[in-house]
């Protein structure tokens, strides 16, 4: 008999990560200094800042003023859920930081048009969803749902006459008549 025990390492294995170095030879985004300084000085939330930087990267990074950028593309770049991306993007459209051109979006270069007087209400997405759900819960709902059981119950049973023949309803008068003769 041996009194040996298996020792399990408690420390996670340390992997050597390759060092990443930013280099303009790998590409760069050409942006006006005044626009970059205005974005830095703007009173934006972290999500809004990430979204506007993603829009700058997708537009100016490819030499465009506007581009069709989906919320899921921005979500993939920033790590923000696409519903939060949509909310942040709509807030910045209301503040006139991001402008739309049909389905395309871009950054508004006219910094003096940016409107910061729109207050940031600080409500979370869950709070606004709860308000919406509370409103919909108070509205009138149908009393019965269409289910298989309901349809089976509502099937009209045609009564049999004493001789065994089926009786049918005739037209609008509702009188029962013999079906077989």
N, C-alpha and C. Protein backbone atom coordinates (compact mmCIF):
# COMPACT_ATOMS: atom_id res chain seq x y z
N UNK A 1 0.82 -1.19 0.00
CA UNK A 1 0.00 0.00 0.00
C UNK A 1 0.86 1.24 0.00
N UNK A 2 0.37 2.17 -0.75
CA UNK A 2 1.13 3.41 -0.84
C UNK A 2 0.27 4.56 -0.34
N UNK A 3 0.87 5.51 0.32
CA UNK A 3 0.17 6.66 0.88
C UNK A 3 0.40 7.90 0.04
N UNK A 4 0.37 7.76 -1.25
CA UNK A 4 0.57 8.91 -2.13
C UNK A 4 -0.77 9.48 -2.56
N UNK A 5 -0.82 10.78 -2.69
CA UNK A 5 -2.03 11.45 -3.16
C UNK A 5 -1.71 12.23 -4.42
N UNK A 6 -2.71 12.38 -5.24
CA UNK A 6 -2.53 13.15 -6.46
C UNK A 6 -2.69 14.64 -6.13
N UNK A 7 -1.71 15.42 -6.46
CA UNK A 7 -1.73 16.85 -6.16
C UNK A 7 -2.29 17.59 -7.38
N UNK A 8 -3.34 18.36 -7.14
CA UNK A 8 -3.96 19.13 -8.21
C UNK A 8 -3.43 20.55 -8.14
N UNK A 9 -2.90 21.08 -9.23
CA UNK A 9 -2.38 22.45 -9.19
C UNK A 9 -3.53 23.45 -9.02
N UNK A 10 -3.40 24.35 -8.07
CA UNK A 10 -4.43 25.34 -7.79
C UNK A 10 -4.25 26.62 -8.60
N UNK A 11 -3.06 26.89 -9.01
CA UNK A 11 -2.80 28.09 -9.80
C UNK A 11 -3.13 27.82 -11.26
N UNK A 12 -3.77 28.78 -11.90
CA UNK A 12 -4.03 28.58 -13.34
C UNK A 12 -2.71 28.61 -14.11
N UNK A 13 -2.69 27.88 -15.17
CA UNK A 13 -1.45 27.85 -15.96
C UNK A 13 -1.23 29.21 -16.61
N UNK A 14 -0.04 29.68 -16.53
CA UNK A 14 0.32 30.97 -17.08
C UNK A 14 0.82 30.75 -18.50
N UNK A 15 0.08 31.31 -19.44
CA UNK A 15 0.51 31.17 -20.83
C UNK A 15 1.19 32.47 -21.25
N UNK A 16 2.20 32.32 -22.01
CA UNK A 16 2.94 33.48 -22.48
C UNK A 16 2.21 34.04 -23.70
N UNK A 17 1.69 35.26 -23.54
CA UNK A 17 0.98 35.89 -24.63
C UNK A 17 1.96 36.64 -25.52
N UNK A 18 1.66 36.58 -26.80
CA UNK A 18 2.53 37.30 -27.73
C UNK A 18 2.31 38.79 -27.55
N UNK A 19 3.36 39.53 -27.54
CA UNK A 19 3.28 40.97 -27.36
C UNK A 19 2.70 41.61 -28.61
N UNK A 20 1.71 42.47 -28.41
CA UNK A 20 1.11 43.18 -29.53
C UNK A 20 1.63 44.61 -29.53
N UNK A 21 2.12 45.03 -30.65
CA UNK A 21 2.65 46.37 -30.79
C UNK A 21 1.88 47.05 -31.92
N UNK A 22 1.34 48.23 -31.63
CA UNK A 22 0.64 48.99 -32.67
C UNK A 22 1.67 49.65 -33.57
N UNK A 23 1.42 49.55 -34.87
CA UNK A 23 2.35 50.11 -35.83
C UNK A 23 1.55 50.69 -36.99
N UNK A 24 1.89 51.88 -37.44
CA UNK A 24 1.14 52.49 -38.54
C UNK A 24 1.37 51.75 -39.85
N UNK A 25 2.37 50.91 -39.90
CA UNK A 25 2.57 50.10 -41.10
C UNK A 25 1.45 49.07 -41.26
N UNK A 26 0.78 48.73 -40.15
CA UNK A 26 -0.34 47.79 -40.19
C UNK A 26 -1.66 48.48 -40.52
N UNK A 27 -1.65 49.78 -40.69
CA UNK A 27 -2.85 50.55 -41.01
C UNK A 27 -3.13 51.59 -39.95
N UNK A 28 -3.85 52.60 -40.34
CA UNK A 28 -4.21 53.66 -39.41
C UNK A 28 -5.49 54.33 -39.89
N UNK A 29 -6.12 55.07 -38.99
CA UNK A 29 -7.33 55.80 -39.31
C UNK A 29 -7.00 57.28 -39.35
N UNK A 30 -7.23 57.86 -40.49
CA UNK A 30 -6.95 59.28 -40.67
C UNK A 30 -8.17 60.07 -40.21
N UNK A 31 -7.96 60.89 -39.17
CA UNK A 31 -9.06 61.66 -38.59
C UNK A 31 -8.54 63.05 -38.25
N UNK A 32 -9.40 64.03 -38.42
CA UNK A 32 -9.03 65.41 -38.10
C UNK A 32 -8.81 65.55 -36.59
N UNK A 33 -7.76 66.26 -36.22
CA UNK A 33 -7.45 66.45 -34.79
C UNK A 33 -8.60 67.12 -34.06
N UNK A 34 -9.24 68.10 -34.69
CA UNK A 34 -10.33 68.82 -34.04
C UNK A 34 -11.50 67.88 -33.74
N UNK A 35 -11.78 66.96 -34.65
CA UNK A 35 -12.86 66.00 -34.43
C UNK A 35 -12.50 65.03 -33.30
N UNK A 36 -11.28 64.55 -33.28
CA UNK A 36 -10.84 63.65 -32.22
C UNK A 36 -10.86 64.34 -30.86
N UNK A 37 -10.42 65.60 -30.81
CA UNK A 37 -10.45 66.36 -29.56
C UNK A 37 -11.88 66.62 -29.10
N UNK A 38 -12.79 66.85 -30.04
CA UNK A 38 -14.19 67.07 -29.67
C UNK A 38 -14.81 65.80 -29.10
N UNK A 39 -14.46 64.65 -29.66
CA UNK A 39 -14.96 63.38 -29.12
C UNK A 39 -14.40 63.15 -27.73
N UNK A 40 -13.12 63.46 -27.52
CA UNK A 40 -12.52 63.30 -26.19
C UNK A 40 -13.17 64.22 -25.17
N UNK A 41 -13.50 65.44 -25.57
CA UNK A 41 -14.05 66.42 -24.64
C UNK A 41 -15.55 66.25 -24.43
N UNK A 42 -16.21 65.49 -25.29
CA UNK A 42 -17.66 65.32 -25.19
C UNK A 42 -18.01 64.51 -23.95
N UNK A 43 -19.14 64.87 -23.35
CA UNK A 43 -19.60 64.17 -22.15
C UNK A 43 -20.42 62.95 -22.60
N UNK A 44 -19.71 61.88 -22.95
CA UNK A 44 -20.35 60.68 -23.45
C UNK A 44 -20.20 59.55 -22.43
N UNK A 45 -21.16 58.64 -22.45
CA UNK A 45 -21.02 57.44 -21.63
C UNK A 45 -19.98 56.53 -22.28
N UNK A 46 -19.56 55.52 -21.56
CA UNK A 46 -18.56 54.59 -22.10
C UNK A 46 -19.09 53.88 -23.34
N UNK A 47 -20.35 53.51 -23.32
CA UNK A 47 -20.94 52.84 -24.48
C UNK A 47 -21.00 53.78 -25.68
N UNK A 48 -21.42 55.01 -25.43
CA UNK A 48 -21.49 55.98 -26.53
C UNK A 48 -20.12 56.23 -27.12
N UNK A 49 -19.11 56.34 -26.27
CA UNK A 49 -17.75 56.56 -26.75
C UNK A 49 -17.28 55.39 -27.61
N UNK A 50 -17.53 54.17 -27.15
CA UNK A 50 -17.14 53.00 -27.94
C UNK A 50 -17.86 52.97 -29.28
N UNK A 51 -19.13 53.31 -29.28
CA UNK A 51 -19.91 53.28 -30.52
C UNK A 51 -19.41 54.34 -31.50
N UNK A 52 -19.15 55.56 -31.02
CA UNK A 52 -18.69 56.61 -31.93
C UNK A 52 -17.29 56.27 -32.46
N UNK A 53 -16.45 55.67 -31.64
CA UNK A 53 -15.12 55.26 -32.13
C UNK A 53 -15.24 54.15 -33.17
N UNK A 54 -16.19 53.23 -32.98
CA UNK A 54 -16.41 52.18 -33.97
C UNK A 54 -16.92 52.76 -35.28
N UNK A 55 -17.80 53.77 -35.20
CA UNK A 55 -18.30 54.42 -36.41
C UNK A 55 -17.16 55.15 -37.12
N UNK A 56 -16.31 55.82 -36.36
CA UNK A 56 -15.14 56.49 -36.95
C UNK A 56 -14.24 55.47 -37.64
N UNK A 57 -14.01 54.35 -36.99
CA UNK A 57 -13.14 53.32 -37.57
C UNK A 57 -13.73 52.75 -38.85
N UNK A 58 -15.05 52.50 -38.87
CA UNK A 58 -15.69 51.91 -40.04
C UNK A 58 -15.87 52.91 -41.18
N UNK A 59 -15.87 54.19 -40.88
CA UNK A 59 -16.03 55.19 -41.94
C UNK A 59 -14.68 55.77 -42.34
N UNK A 60 -14.10 56.58 -41.48
CA UNK A 60 -12.82 57.24 -41.81
C UNK A 60 -11.69 56.23 -41.98
N UNK A 61 -11.78 55.10 -41.30
CA UNK A 61 -10.76 54.06 -41.43
C UNK A 61 -10.71 53.47 -42.83
N UNK A 62 -11.80 53.59 -43.57
CA UNK A 62 -11.86 53.08 -44.93
C UNK A 62 -12.03 54.21 -45.95
N UNK A 63 -11.75 55.44 -45.52
CA UNK A 63 -11.80 56.58 -46.42
C UNK A 63 -13.20 56.97 -46.84
N UNK A 64 -14.19 56.73 -46.00
CA UNK A 64 -15.59 57.06 -46.30
C UNK A 64 -16.10 58.08 -45.29
N UNK A 65 -17.12 58.83 -45.71
CA UNK A 65 -17.79 59.74 -44.77
C UNK A 65 -19.00 59.07 -44.14
N UNK A 66 -19.67 58.20 -44.90
CA UNK A 66 -20.83 57.45 -44.43
C UNK A 66 -20.66 56.00 -44.84
N UNK A 67 -21.24 55.11 -44.04
CA UNK A 67 -21.22 53.70 -44.39
C UNK A 67 -22.42 53.03 -43.73
N UNK A 68 -22.86 51.95 -44.34
CA UNK A 68 -23.96 51.18 -43.76
C UNK A 68 -23.35 50.21 -42.74
N UNK A 69 -23.53 50.53 -41.48
CA UNK A 69 -22.94 49.74 -40.39
C UNK A 69 -24.08 49.19 -39.54
N UNK A 70 -24.11 47.90 -39.36
CA UNK A 70 -25.17 47.29 -38.55
C UNK A 70 -24.79 47.31 -37.07
N UNK A 71 -25.80 47.16 -36.24
CA UNK A 71 -25.57 47.13 -34.80
C UNK A 71 -24.73 45.91 -34.41
N UNK A 72 -24.90 44.81 -35.12
CA UNK A 72 -24.11 43.61 -34.80
C UNK A 72 -22.65 43.79 -35.18
N UNK A 73 -22.37 44.57 -36.23
CA UNK A 73 -20.97 44.86 -36.57
C UNK A 73 -20.32 45.66 -35.45
N UNK A 74 -21.02 46.69 -34.99
CA UNK A 74 -20.49 47.51 -33.89
C UNK A 74 -20.37 46.67 -32.63
N UNK A 75 -21.35 45.80 -32.40
CA UNK A 75 -21.31 44.92 -31.24
C UNK A 75 -20.09 44.01 -31.27
N UNK A 76 -19.77 43.49 -32.43
CA UNK A 76 -18.59 42.64 -32.56
C UNK A 76 -17.29 43.39 -32.33
N UNK A 77 -17.26 44.66 -32.71
CA UNK A 77 -16.05 45.46 -32.53
C UNK A 77 -15.85 45.90 -31.08
N UNK A 78 -16.96 46.19 -30.39
CA UNK A 78 -16.88 46.81 -29.07
C UNK A 78 -17.14 45.85 -27.91
N UNK A 79 -17.80 44.74 -28.18
CA UNK A 79 -18.16 43.82 -27.10
C UNK A 79 -19.42 44.23 -26.37
N UNK A 80 -20.14 45.21 -26.88
CA UNK A 80 -21.40 45.66 -26.28
C UNK A 80 -22.53 44.89 -26.96
N UNK A 81 -23.54 44.51 -26.20
CA UNK A 81 -24.69 43.81 -26.78
C UNK A 81 -25.38 44.71 -27.80
N UNK A 82 -25.91 44.11 -28.86
CA UNK A 82 -26.46 44.90 -29.96
C UNK A 82 -27.64 45.78 -29.54
N UNK A 83 -28.40 45.39 -28.51
CA UNK A 83 -29.49 46.26 -28.05
C UNK A 83 -28.95 47.53 -27.40
N UNK A 84 -27.84 47.40 -26.67
CA UNK A 84 -27.22 48.57 -26.05
C UNK A 84 -26.55 49.44 -27.12
N UNK A 85 -26.03 48.81 -28.17
CA UNK A 85 -25.45 49.57 -29.28
C UNK A 85 -26.54 50.41 -29.93
N UNK A 86 -27.69 49.82 -30.16
CA UNK A 86 -28.81 50.53 -30.78
C UNK A 86 -29.22 51.73 -29.92
N UNK A 87 -29.32 51.52 -28.61
CA UNK A 87 -29.72 52.60 -27.70
C UNK A 87 -28.69 53.73 -27.72
N UNK A 88 -27.40 53.39 -27.62
CA UNK A 88 -26.35 54.41 -27.62
C UNK A 88 -26.32 55.16 -28.95
N UNK A 89 -26.49 54.43 -30.03
CA UNK A 89 -26.47 55.06 -31.36
C UNK A 89 -27.64 56.03 -31.51
N UNK A 90 -28.83 55.63 -31.06
CA UNK A 90 -29.99 56.51 -31.14
C UNK A 90 -29.83 57.75 -30.27
N UNK A 91 -29.20 57.60 -29.10
CA UNK A 91 -28.94 58.76 -28.25
C UNK A 91 -28.01 59.74 -28.95
N UNK A 92 -26.99 59.22 -29.62
CA UNK A 92 -26.04 60.11 -30.29
C UNK A 92 -26.62 60.71 -31.57
N UNK A 93 -27.57 60.03 -32.19
CA UNK A 93 -28.28 60.63 -33.33
C UNK A 93 -29.13 61.79 -32.82
N UNK A 94 -29.77 61.60 -31.64
CA UNK A 94 -30.56 62.68 -31.05
C UNK A 94 -29.67 63.86 -30.65
N UNK A 95 -28.43 63.57 -30.22
CA UNK A 95 -27.49 64.64 -29.84
C UNK A 95 -26.78 65.22 -31.07
N UNK A 96 -27.05 64.67 -32.24
CA UNK A 96 -26.49 65.14 -33.51
C UNK A 96 -24.98 64.90 -33.61
N UNK A 97 -24.47 63.93 -32.89
CA UNK A 97 -23.06 63.54 -33.02
C UNK A 97 -22.91 62.59 -34.19
N UNK A 98 -23.85 61.68 -34.30
CA UNK A 98 -23.91 60.76 -35.45
C UNK A 98 -25.08 61.20 -36.31
N UNK A 99 -24.85 61.25 -37.61
CA UNK A 99 -25.90 61.63 -38.55
C UNK A 99 -26.16 60.45 -39.49
N UNK A 100 -27.38 60.43 -40.01
CA UNK A 100 -27.76 59.36 -40.92
C UNK A 100 -27.97 59.93 -42.32
N UNK A 101 -27.71 59.08 -43.28
CA UNK A 101 -27.95 59.41 -44.69
C UNK A 101 -28.61 58.19 -45.29
N UNK A 102 -29.93 58.12 -45.16
CA UNK A 102 -30.63 56.90 -45.55
C UNK A 102 -30.32 55.81 -44.55
N UNK A 103 -29.78 54.69 -45.03
CA UNK A 103 -29.40 53.60 -44.14
C UNK A 103 -27.96 53.71 -43.66
N UNK A 104 -27.24 54.69 -44.16
CA UNK A 104 -25.84 54.86 -43.80
C UNK A 104 -25.71 55.83 -42.63
N UNK A 105 -24.67 55.63 -41.82
CA UNK A 105 -24.40 56.54 -40.71
C UNK A 105 -22.96 57.02 -40.79
N UNK A 106 -22.72 58.14 -40.13
CA UNK A 106 -21.39 58.71 -40.07
C UNK A 106 -21.32 59.72 -38.95
N UNK A 107 -20.13 60.23 -38.71
CA UNK A 107 -19.93 61.22 -37.65
C UNK A 107 -20.20 62.60 -38.23
N UNK A 108 -20.91 63.44 -37.46
CA UNK A 108 -21.18 64.81 -37.88
C UNK A 108 -19.90 65.62 -37.71
N UNK A 109 -19.37 66.12 -38.82
CA UNK A 109 -18.12 66.88 -38.76
C UNK A 109 -18.32 68.29 -38.24
N UNK A 110 -19.56 68.79 -38.28
CA UNK A 110 -19.85 70.14 -37.79
C UNK A 110 -20.04 70.04 -36.28
N UNK A 111 -18.96 70.25 -35.57
CA UNK A 111 -18.94 70.04 -34.12
C UNK A 111 -19.86 71.03 -33.40
N UNK A 112 -20.04 72.21 -33.96
CA UNK A 112 -20.90 73.20 -33.32
C UNK A 112 -22.37 72.77 -33.34
N UNK A 113 -22.72 71.80 -34.18
CA UNK A 113 -24.10 71.29 -34.22
C UNK A 113 -24.37 70.23 -33.15
N UNK A 114 -23.32 69.74 -32.50
CA UNK A 114 -23.51 68.71 -31.49
C UNK A 114 -24.32 69.29 -30.34
N UNK A 115 -25.31 68.58 -29.88
CA UNK A 115 -26.24 69.08 -28.87
C UNK A 115 -26.10 68.25 -27.60
N UNK A 116 -25.49 68.84 -26.58
CA UNK A 116 -25.31 68.14 -25.31
C UNK A 116 -26.36 68.52 -24.29
N UNK A 117 -27.34 69.34 -24.67
CA UNK A 117 -28.38 69.74 -23.72
C UNK A 117 -29.37 68.61 -23.47
N UNK A 118 -29.35 67.60 -24.33
CA UNK A 118 -30.22 66.44 -24.11
C UNK A 118 -29.65 65.68 -22.92
N UNK A 119 -30.46 65.61 -21.86
CA UNK A 119 -29.95 64.99 -20.64
C UNK A 119 -29.86 63.48 -20.80
N UNK A 120 -28.93 62.91 -20.11
CA UNK A 120 -28.80 61.47 -20.10
C UNK A 120 -29.60 61.00 -18.90
N UNK A 121 -30.73 60.33 -19.15
CA UNK A 121 -31.66 60.01 -18.08
C UNK A 121 -31.15 58.93 -17.14
N UNK A 122 -30.15 58.19 -17.50
CA UNK A 122 -29.55 57.21 -16.61
C UNK A 122 -30.39 55.98 -16.37
N UNK A 123 -31.46 55.79 -17.13
CA UNK A 123 -32.27 54.59 -16.98
C UNK A 123 -31.60 53.45 -17.71
N UNK A 124 -31.60 52.32 -17.07
CA UNK A 124 -31.01 51.15 -17.71
C UNK A 124 -32.00 50.57 -18.71
N UNK A 125 -31.51 49.71 -19.57
CA UNK A 125 -32.36 49.07 -20.56
C UNK A 125 -33.40 48.20 -19.88
N UNK A 126 -33.05 47.60 -18.75
CA UNK A 126 -33.99 46.75 -18.01
C UNK A 126 -35.13 47.59 -17.45
N UNK A 127 -34.82 48.80 -16.96
CA UNK A 127 -35.87 49.67 -16.41
C UNK A 127 -36.85 50.09 -17.50
N UNK A 128 -36.35 50.47 -18.67
CA UNK A 128 -37.25 50.86 -19.75
C UNK A 128 -38.05 49.67 -20.24
N UNK A 129 -37.45 48.48 -20.25
CA UNK A 129 -38.18 47.28 -20.65
C UNK A 129 -39.28 46.96 -19.64
N UNK A 130 -38.99 47.15 -18.35
CA UNK A 130 -40.00 46.88 -17.32
C UNK A 130 -41.18 47.83 -17.47
N UNK A 131 -40.93 49.10 -17.80
CA UNK A 131 -42.01 50.05 -18.00
C UNK A 131 -42.88 49.62 -19.18
N UNK A 132 -42.25 49.20 -20.26
CA UNK A 132 -42.98 48.77 -21.44
C UNK A 132 -43.81 47.53 -21.13
N UNK A 133 -43.23 46.58 -20.40
CA UNK A 133 -43.95 45.37 -20.04
C UNK A 133 -45.11 45.69 -19.10
N UNK A 134 -44.92 46.63 -18.19
CA UNK A 134 -45.99 47.00 -17.26
C UNK A 134 -47.15 47.62 -18.02
N UNK A 135 -46.86 48.45 -19.02
CA UNK A 135 -47.92 49.06 -19.82
C UNK A 135 -48.68 48.00 -20.60
N UNK A 136 -47.95 47.06 -21.20
CA UNK A 136 -48.62 46.03 -22.00
C UNK A 136 -49.39 45.06 -21.13
N UNK A 137 -48.98 44.88 -19.88
CA UNK A 137 -49.70 43.97 -18.98
C UNK A 137 -51.05 44.56 -18.58
N UNK A 138 -51.17 45.88 -18.58
CA UNK A 138 -52.41 46.52 -18.17
C UNK A 138 -53.42 46.66 -19.31
N UNK A 139 -53.03 46.34 -20.52
CA UNK A 139 -53.96 46.45 -21.64
C UNK A 139 -54.88 45.24 -21.68
N UNK A 140 -55.98 45.35 -22.41
CA UNK A 140 -56.97 44.28 -22.53
C UNK A 140 -56.40 43.11 -23.32
N UNK A 141 -56.56 41.93 -22.78
CA UNK A 141 -56.09 40.72 -23.44
C UNK A 141 -57.31 39.86 -23.79
N UNK A 142 -57.23 39.05 -24.83
CA UNK A 142 -58.35 38.16 -25.14
C UNK A 142 -58.59 37.18 -24.00
N UNK A 143 -59.87 36.82 -23.78
CA UNK A 143 -60.19 35.96 -22.65
C UNK A 143 -59.80 34.51 -22.89
N UNK A 144 -59.84 34.07 -24.12
CA UNK A 144 -59.48 32.69 -24.40
C UNK A 144 -58.49 32.64 -25.54
N UNK A 145 -57.58 31.72 -25.43
CA UNK A 145 -56.63 31.50 -26.51
C UNK A 145 -57.14 30.39 -27.40
N UNK A 146 -56.75 30.41 -28.65
CA UNK A 146 -57.14 29.36 -29.57
C UNK A 146 -56.24 28.16 -29.36
N UNK A 147 -56.79 27.12 -28.80
CA UNK A 147 -56.01 25.91 -28.58
C UNK A 147 -56.75 24.74 -29.19
N UNK A 148 -56.08 23.62 -29.29
CA UNK A 148 -56.71 22.42 -29.84
C UNK A 148 -57.89 22.00 -28.97
N UNK A 149 -57.72 22.08 -27.66
CA UNK A 149 -58.79 21.67 -26.76
C UNK A 149 -60.03 22.53 -26.96
N UNK A 150 -59.82 23.83 -27.14
CA UNK A 150 -60.94 24.74 -27.33
C UNK A 150 -61.68 24.41 -28.61
N UNK A 151 -60.96 24.12 -29.68
CA UNK A 151 -61.59 23.78 -30.94
C UNK A 151 -62.36 22.46 -30.82
N UNK A 152 -61.83 21.50 -30.09
CA UNK A 152 -62.52 20.23 -29.92
C UNK A 152 -63.81 20.43 -29.13
N UNK A 153 -63.77 21.27 -28.12
CA UNK A 153 -64.96 21.53 -27.31
C UNK A 153 -66.04 22.25 -28.09
N UNK A 154 -65.65 23.14 -28.99
CA UNK A 154 -66.61 23.95 -29.72
C UNK A 154 -67.26 23.21 -30.89
N UNK A 155 -66.76 22.01 -31.24
CA UNK A 155 -67.34 21.26 -32.35
C UNK A 155 -68.79 20.96 -32.02
N UNK A 156 -69.66 21.26 -32.97
CA UNK A 156 -71.08 21.06 -32.74
C UNK A 156 -71.41 19.59 -32.96
N UNK A 157 -72.07 19.01 -32.02
CA UNK A 157 -72.47 17.62 -32.14
C UNK A 157 -73.89 17.58 -32.70
N UNK A 158 -74.06 16.83 -33.77
CA UNK A 158 -75.37 16.71 -34.40
C UNK A 158 -76.13 15.58 -33.69
N UNK A 159 -77.32 15.88 -33.14
CA UNK A 159 -78.05 14.85 -32.40
C UNK A 159 -78.64 13.79 -33.34
N UNK A 160 -78.81 12.61 -32.82
CA UNK A 160 -79.44 11.53 -33.57
C UNK A 160 -80.92 11.48 -33.22
N UNK A 161 -81.75 11.12 -34.21
CA UNK A 161 -83.18 10.95 -33.92
C UNK A 161 -83.41 9.55 -33.37
N UNK A 162 -84.57 9.26 -32.84
CA UNK A 162 -84.81 7.94 -32.25
C UNK A 162 -84.65 6.78 -33.23
N UNK A 163 -84.83 7.02 -34.53
CA UNK A 163 -84.71 5.93 -35.49
C UNK A 163 -83.24 5.69 -35.88
N UNK A 164 -82.30 6.49 -35.42
CA UNK A 164 -80.89 6.29 -35.70
C UNK A 164 -80.36 7.18 -36.81
N UNK A 165 -81.20 7.95 -37.50
CA UNK A 165 -80.75 8.85 -38.56
C UNK A 165 -80.28 10.16 -37.96
N UNK A 166 -79.41 10.83 -38.66
CA UNK A 166 -78.89 12.12 -38.18
C UNK A 166 -79.89 13.22 -38.47
N UNK A 167 -79.96 14.18 -37.58
CA UNK A 167 -80.76 15.38 -37.79
C UNK A 167 -79.84 16.52 -38.19
N UNK A 168 -80.29 17.37 -39.08
CA UNK A 168 -79.49 18.53 -39.49
C UNK A 168 -80.28 19.79 -39.24
N UNK A 169 -79.59 20.87 -39.14
CA UNK A 169 -80.25 22.17 -38.98
C UNK A 169 -80.58 22.69 -40.36
N UNK A 170 -81.74 23.27 -40.50
CA UNK A 170 -82.11 23.83 -41.80
C UNK A 170 -81.99 25.33 -41.74
N UNK A 171 -81.24 25.90 -42.65
CA UNK A 171 -81.11 27.34 -42.89
C UNK A 171 -81.20 28.20 -41.66
N UNK A 172 -81.97 29.29 -41.77
CA UNK A 172 -82.00 30.31 -40.74
C UNK A 172 -83.07 30.06 -39.68
N UNK A 173 -84.01 29.14 -39.94
CA UNK A 173 -85.08 28.97 -38.97
C UNK A 173 -84.68 28.08 -37.80
N UNK A 174 -83.60 27.33 -37.93
CA UNK A 174 -83.09 26.56 -36.81
C UNK A 174 -83.88 25.31 -36.49
N UNK A 175 -84.83 24.90 -37.34
CA UNK A 175 -85.60 23.68 -37.09
C UNK A 175 -84.77 22.47 -37.47
N UNK A 176 -84.97 21.43 -36.75
CA UNK A 176 -84.25 20.20 -37.05
C UNK A 176 -85.06 19.37 -38.04
N UNK A 177 -84.38 18.84 -39.01
CA UNK A 177 -85.03 17.98 -40.00
C UNK A 177 -84.23 16.71 -40.11
N UNK A 178 -84.88 15.68 -40.60
CA UNK A 178 -84.21 14.41 -40.80
C UNK A 178 -83.31 14.47 -42.01
N UNK A 179 -82.10 13.94 -41.87
CA UNK A 179 -81.15 13.95 -42.97
C UNK A 179 -81.35 12.76 -43.89
N UNK A 180 -81.86 11.67 -43.37
CA UNK A 180 -81.95 10.47 -44.20
C UNK A 180 -83.32 10.27 -44.81
N UNK A 181 -84.22 11.14 -44.68
CA UNK A 181 -85.46 10.90 -45.39
C UNK A 181 -86.56 11.62 -44.83
